[in-house]
Amino acid sequence: MSSLISPNQRLGRDDLVSFVETEYSQVVASVALMTGDSDGAEDAVQDALASLRQRQDGFRPDNVAAWVTVVAANGSRSTLRRRGAEARAFERLGPSATASNDDAASRLSDAGLISAALAELPDRQRHIAVLYYLGDHSVHDIAVALKVSDGTVKTQLSRARTTLRASLERGDNK
């Protein structure tokens, strides 16, 4: 899927409205699958959009949806790491802190078989697979967004498919 926002100009209000109407929900779903945090995905996407909108340097990504997806996933992972550090700190203080870890595990298990299979992938493979299959981005757009070669994206997709196939087959046999 290519972004409807034209390059080489600042992100305007009409561009933002168009993005939200056509690509927003798919980007949020992609970030949720990439990070395993469906609750924080929407906030992360909104933060990424706000960051892009507020940039004063004239930066404009070639593919806004791919850029927002990558930036939001990075932000969401940072938030999850921070929450994990906070939970560990509370855990050292006493037993009441364990509830937040239980909630996170419950959300992941509720996400289903595909989310569990995606969670087994290394971060880069998971991000590339979600961008390619759910986000419907081209190999080239993913490569540009992640600042890697097209060949790297193809290799990571191949490895992800192999791992996902094995994981899903194990899940079917349970």
C-alpha atoms as a PDB file:
ATOM      1  CA  MET A   1       0.000   0.000   0.000  1.00  0.00           C
ATOM      2  CA  SER A   2       1.483   3.356  -0.862  1.00  0.00           C
ATOM      3  CA  SER A   3       0.748   6.446   1.118  1.00  0.00           C
ATOM      4  CA  LEU A   4      -1.686   8.944  -0.331  1.00  0.00           C
ATOM      5  CA  ILE A   5       0.339  11.856   0.987  1.00  0.00           C
ATOM      6  CA  SER A   6       2.442  13.530  -1.673  1.00  0.00           C
ATOM      7  CA  PRO A   7       6.170  13.809  -1.019  1.00  0.00           C
ATOM      8  CA  ASN A   8       8.308  16.955  -0.808  1.00  0.00           C
ATOM      9  CA  GLN A   9       5.839  19.011   1.165  1.00  0.00           C
ATOM     10  CA  ARG A  10       5.006  19.381   4.824  1.00  0.00           C
ATOM     11  CA  LEU A  11       2.268  17.135   6.212  1.00  0.00           C
ATOM     12  CA  GLY A  12      -0.896  19.242   6.131  1.00  0.00           C
ATOM     13  CA  ARG A  13      -4.258  18.889   7.840  1.00  0.00           C
ATOM     14  CA  ASP A  14      -5.901  17.429   4.710  1.00  0.00           C
ATOM     15  CA  ASP A  15      -3.033  14.934   4.370  1.00  0.00           C
ATOM     16  CA  LEU A  16      -3.491  13.900   7.979  1.00  0.00           C
ATOM     17  CA  VAL A  17      -7.254  13.445   7.569  1.00  0.00           C
ATOM     18  CA  SER A  18      -6.694  11.364   4.434  1.00  0.00           C
ATOM     19  CA  PHE A  19      -4.097   9.213   6.215  1.00  0.00           C
ATOM     20  CA  VAL A  20      -6.406   8.603   9.179  1.00  0.00           C
ATOM     21  CA  GLU A  21      -9.312   7.673   6.893  1.00  0.00           C
ATOM     22  CA  THR A  22      -7.325   5.282   4.696  1.00  0.00           C
ATOM     23  CA  GLU A  23      -4.279   3.891   6.531  1.00  0.00           C
ATOM     24  CA  TYR A  24      -4.477   4.651  10.240  1.00  0.00           C
ATOM     25  CA  SER A  25      -6.264   1.495  11.416  1.00  0.00           C
ATOM     26  CA  GLN A  26      -3.939  -0.767   9.458  1.00  0.00           C
ATOM     27  CA  VAL A  27      -0.862   1.012  10.850  1.00  0.00           C
ATOM     28  CA  VAL A  28      -2.209   0.679  14.414  1.00  0.00           C
ATOM     29  CA  ALA A  29      -2.862  -3.041  13.857  1.00  0.00           C
ATOM     30  CA  SER A  30       0.645  -3.476  12.450  1.00  0.00           C
ATOM     31  CA  VAL A  31       2.247  -1.783  15.445  1.00  0.00           C
ATOM     32  CA  ALA A  32       0.155  -3.901  17.822  1.00  0.00           C
ATOM     33  CA  LEU A  33       1.330  -7.096  16.123  1.00  0.00           C
ATOM     34  CA  MET A  34       4.933  -5.928  15.998  1.00  0.00           C
ATOM     35  CA  THR A  35       5.091  -5.064  19.688  1.00  0.00           C
ATOM     36  CA  GLY A  36       2.466  -7.295  21.282  1.00  0.00           C
ATOM     37  CA  ASP A  37       0.981  -4.177  22.905  1.00  0.00           C
ATOM     38  CA  SER A  38      -2.441  -3.572  21.405  1.00  0.00           C
ATOM     39  CA  ASP A  39      -3.327  -1.091  24.154  1.00  0.00           C
ATOM     40  CA  GLY A  40      -0.341   1.149  23.462  1.00  0.00           C
ATOM     41  CA  ALA A  41      -0.263   0.833  19.669  1.00  0.00           C
ATOM     42  CA  GLU A  42      -2.767   3.604  19.011  1.00  0.00           C
ATOM     43  CA  ASP A  43      -0.956   6.011  21.340  1.00  0.00           C
ATOM     44  CA  ALA A  44       2.356   5.196  19.675  1.00  0.00           C
ATOM     45  CA  VAL A  45       0.935   5.817  16.189  1.00  0.00           C
ATOM     46  CA  GLN A  46      -0.559   9.122  17.297  1.00  0.00           C
ATOM     47  CA  ASP A  47       2.776  10.155  18.819  1.00  0.00           C
ATOM     48  CA  ALA A  48       4.593   9.273  15.576  1.00  0.00           C
ATOM     49  CA  LEU A  49       2.083  11.252  13.508  1.00  0.00           C
ATOM     50  CA  ALA A  50       2.399  14.231  15.836  1.00  0.00           C
ATOM     51  CA  SER A  51       6.178  14.032  15.582  1.00  0.00           C
ATOM     52  CA  LEU A  52       6.029  14.005  11.783  1.00  0.00           C
ATOM     53  CA  ARG A  53       3.515  16.847  11.698  1.00  0.00           C
ATOM     54  CA  GLN A  54       5.600  19.022  14.026  1.00  0.00           C
ATOM     55  CA  ARG A  55       8.919  18.591  12.233  1.00  0.00           C
ATOM     56  CA  GLN A  56      10.298  21.942  11.171  1.00  0.00           C
ATOM     57  CA  ASP A  57      13.130  20.634   8.976  1.00  0.00           C
ATOM     58  CA  GLY A  58      10.913  19.832   5.994  1.00  0.00           C
ATOM     59  CA  PHE A  59      11.496  16.100   6.302  1.00  0.00           C
ATOM     60  CA  ARG A  60       8.933  14.071   4.414  1.00  0.00           C
ATOM     61  CA  PRO A  61       9.185  10.264   4.194  1.00  0.00           C
ATOM     62  CA  ASP A  62       8.564   8.633   0.824  1.00  0.00           C
ATOM     63  CA  ASN A  63       6.040   6.286   2.435  1.00  0.00           C
ATOM     64  CA  VAL A  64       4.333   7.901   5.411  1.00  0.00           C
ATOM     65  CA  ALA A  65       2.550   4.718   6.527  1.00  0.00           C
ATOM     66  CA  ALA A  66       5.775   2.695   6.632  1.00  0.00           C
ATOM     67  CA  TRP A  67       7.653   5.501   8.398  1.00  0.00           C
ATOM     68  CA  VAL A  68       4.899   5.971  10.988  1.00  0.00           C
ATOM     69  CA  THR A  69       4.720   2.195  11.545  1.00  0.00           C
ATOM     70  CA  VAL A  70       8.463   1.909  12.224  1.00  0.00           C
ATOM     71  CA  VAL A  71       8.628   5.017  14.429  1.00  0.00           C
ATOM     72  CA  ALA A  72       5.509   3.990  16.378  1.00  0.00           C
ATOM     73  CA  ALA A  73       6.807   0.442  16.907  1.00  0.00           C
ATOM     74  CA  ASN A  74      10.113   1.822  18.197  1.00  0.00           C
ATOM     75  CA  GLY A  75       8.264   4.180  20.547  1.00  0.00           C
ATOM     76  CA  SER A  76       5.953   1.423  21.742  1.00  0.00           C
ATOM     77  CA  ARG A  77       8.901  -0.894  22.463  1.00  0.00           C
ATOM     78  CA  SER A  78      10.563   1.887  24.462  1.00  0.00           C
ATOM     79  CA  THR A  79       7.392   2.300  26.495  1.00  0.00           C
ATOM     80  CA  LEU A  80       7.166  -1.460  27.075  1.00  0.00           C
ATOM     81  CA  ARG A  81      10.798  -1.573  28.217  1.00  0.00           C
ATOM     82  CA  ARG A  82      10.158   1.308  30.599  1.00  0.00           C
ATOM     83  CA  ARG A  83       7.041  -0.416  31.977  1.00  0.00           C
ATOM     84  CA  GLY A  84       9.021  -3.636  32.396  1.00  0.00           C
ATOM     85  CA  ALA A  85      11.728  -1.796  34.331  1.00  0.00           C
ATOM     86  CA  GLU A  86       9.077  -0.174  36.499  1.00  0.00           C
ATOM     87  CA  ALA A  87       7.386  -3.538  37.117  1.00  0.00           C
ATOM     88  CA  ARG A  88      10.707  -5.106  38.119  1.00  0.00           C
ATOM     89  CA  ALA A  89      11.376  -2.219  40.481  1.00  0.00           C
ATOM     90  CA  PHE A  90       7.940  -2.581  42.075  1.00  0.00           C
ATOM     91  CA  GLU A  91       8.431  -6.336  42.281  1.00  0.00           C
ATOM     92  CA  ARG A  92      11.545  -5.769  44.365  1.00  0.00           C
ATOM     93  CA  LEU A  93       9.467  -3.601  46.679  1.00  0.00           C
ATOM     94  CA  GLY A  94       6.721  -6.144  47.300  1.00  0.00           C
ATOM     95  CA  PRO A  95       4.172  -8.636  45.942  1.00  0.00           C
ATOM     96  CA  SER A  96       1.584  -6.094  44.711  1.00  0.00           C
ATOM     97  CA  ALA A  97       3.623  -5.254  41.611  1.00  0.00           C
ATOM     98  CA  THR A  98       3.168  -8.649  39.918  1.00  0.00           C
ATOM     99  CA  ALA A  99      -0.324  -7.782  38.608  1.00  0.00           C
ATOM    100  CA  SER A 100       1.034  -5.667  35.733  1.00  0.00           C
ATOM    101  CA  ASN A 101       3.175  -8.589  34.484  1.00  0.00           C
ATOM    102  CA  ASP A 102       0.148 -10.896  34.639  1.00  0.00           C
ATOM    103  CA  ASP A 103      -1.920  -8.397  32.638  1.00  0.00           C
ATOM    104  CA  ALA A 104       0.712  -8.222  29.883  1.00  0.00           C
ATOM    105  CA  ALA A 105       0.915 -12.021  29.650  1.00  0.00           C
ATOM    106  CA  SER A 106      -2.876 -12.233  29.531  1.00  0.00           C
ATOM    107  CA  ARG A 107      -3.051  -9.730  26.644  1.00  0.00           C
ATOM    108  CA  LEU A 108      -0.478 -11.709  24.677  1.00  0.00           C
ATOM    109  CA  SER A 109      -2.278 -15.005  25.199  1.00  0.00           C
ATOM    110  CA  ASP A 110      -5.594 -13.426  24.191  1.00  0.00           C
ATOM    111  CA  ALA A 111      -4.052 -12.201  20.929  1.00  0.00           C
ATOM    112  CA  GLY A 112      -4.198 -15.726  19.516  1.00  0.00           C
ATOM    113  CA  LEU A 113      -2.106 -18.199  17.647  1.00  0.00           C
ATOM    114  CA  ILE A 114      -0.768 -15.799  15.007  1.00  0.00           C
ATOM    115  CA  SER A 115       0.342 -13.246  17.565  1.00  0.00           C
ATOM    116  CA  ALA A 116       2.082 -15.988  19.518  1.00  0.00           C
ATOM    117  CA  ALA A 117       3.835 -17.171  16.365  1.00  0.00           C
ATOM    118  CA  LEU A 118       4.877 -13.604  15.530  1.00  0.00           C
ATOM    119  CA  ALA A 119       6.179 -13.153  19.062  1.00  0.00           C
ATOM    120  CA  GLU A 120       8.614 -16.022  18.492  1.00  0.00           C
ATOM    121  CA  LEU A 121      10.284 -14.160  15.649  1.00  0.00           C
ATOM    122  CA  PRO A 122      13.308 -11.934  16.208  1.00  0.00           C
ATOM    123  CA  ASP A 123      12.323  -8.250  16.225  1.00  0.00           C
ATOM    124  CA  ARG A 124      13.568  -7.442  12.730  1.00  0.00           C
ATOM    125  CA  GLN A 125      11.842 -10.461  11.160  1.00  0.00           C
ATOM    126  CA  ARG A 126       8.596  -9.673  12.992  1.00  0.00           C
ATOM    127  CA  HIS A 127       8.678  -6.021  11.914  1.00  0.00           C
ATOM    128  CA  ILE A 128       9.389  -6.885   8.300  1.00  0.00           C
ATOM    129  CA  ALA A 129       6.721  -9.612   8.196  1.00  0.00           C
ATOM    130  CA  VAL A 130       4.073  -7.300   9.673  1.00  0.00           C
ATOM    131  CA  LEU A 131       4.994  -4.435   7.351  1.00  0.00           C
ATOM    132  CA  TYR A 132       4.923  -6.749   4.326  1.00  0.00           C
ATOM    133  CA  TYR A 133       1.893  -8.931   5.042  1.00  0.00           C
ATOM    134  CA  LEU A 134      -0.348  -6.737   7.171  1.00  0.00           C
ATOM    135  CA  GLY A 135       0.878  -3.336   6.081  1.00  0.00           C
ATOM    136  CA  ASP A 136       1.018  -4.429   2.439  1.00  0.00           C
ATOM    137  CA  HIS A 137       4.229  -2.441   1.905  1.00  0.00           C
ATOM    138  CA  SER A 138       6.646  -3.338  -0.870  1.00  0.00           C
ATOM    139  CA  VAL A 139      10.056  -4.853  -0.188  1.00  0.00           C
ATOM    140  CA  HIS A 140      11.636  -1.620  -1.373  1.00  0.00           C
ATOM    141  CA  ASP A 141       9.483   0.615   0.875  1.00  0.00           C
ATOM    142  CA  ILE A 142      10.328  -1.552   3.889  1.00  0.00           C
ATOM    143  CA  ALA A 143      14.019  -1.434   3.021  1.00  0.00           C
ATOM    144  CA  VAL A 144      13.933   2.354   2.787  1.00  0.00           C
ATOM    145  CA  ALA A 145      11.982   2.720   6.050  1.00  0.00           C
ATOM    146  CA  LEU A 146      14.349   0.403   7.940  1.00  0.00           C
ATOM    147  CA  LYS A 147      17.467   1.693   6.159  1.00  0.00           C
ATOM    148  CA  VAL A 148      18.531  -1.753   4.922  1.00  0.00           C
ATOM    149  CA  SER A 149      18.922  -3.300   1.474  1.00  0.00           C
ATOM    150  CA  ASP A 150      16.108  -4.945  -0.475  1.00  0.00           C
ATOM    151  CA  GLY A 151      18.034  -8.224  -0.189  1.00  0.00           C
ATOM    152  CA  THR A 152      18.052  -7.970   3.597  1.00  0.00           C
ATOM    153  CA  VAL A 153      14.277  -7.538   3.605  1.00  0.00           C
ATOM    154  CA  LYS A 154      13.843 -10.559   1.304  1.00  0.00           C
ATOM    155  CA  THR A 155      16.138 -12.700   3.461  1.00  0.00           C
ATOM    156  CA  GLN A 156      14.345 -11.702   6.666  1.00  0.00           C
ATOM    157  CA  LEU A 157      10.943 -12.393   5.055  1.00  0.00           C
ATOM    158  CA  SER A 158      12.085 -15.854   3.982  1.00  0.00           C
ATOM    159  CA  ARG A 159      13.372 -16.670   7.460  1.00  0.00           C
ATOM    160  CA  ALA A 160      10.206 -15.311   9.046  1.00  0.00           C
ATOM    161  CA  ARG A 161       8.011 -17.454   6.786  1.00  0.00           C
ATOM    162  CA  THR A 162       9.988 -20.581   7.674  1.00  0.00           C
ATOM    163  CA  THR A 163       9.728 -19.889  11.411  1.00  0.00           C
ATOM    164  CA  LEU A 164       6.055 -18.909  11.226  1.00  0.00           C
ATOM    165  CA  ARG A 165       5.186 -22.045   9.253  1.00  0.00           C
ATOM    166  CA  ALA A 166       6.867 -24.278  11.837  1.00  0.00           C
ATOM    167  CA  SER A 167       5.295 -22.392  14.727  1.00  0.00           C
ATOM    168  CA  LEU A 168       1.793 -22.483  13.255  1.00  0.00           C
ATOM    169  CA  GLU A 169       2.112 -26.191  12.429  1.00  0.00           C
ATOM    170  CA  ARG A 170       3.085 -26.860  16.057  1.00  0.00           C
ATOM    171  CA  GLY A 171       0.063 -24.828  17.149  1.00  0.00           C
ATOM    172  CA  ASP A 172      -2.273 -26.873  14.919  1.00  0.00           C
ATOM    173  CA  ASN A 173      -1.024 -30.124  16.444  1.00  0.00           C
ATOM    174  CA  LYS A 174      -1.536 -29.063  20.058  1.00  0.00           C
END
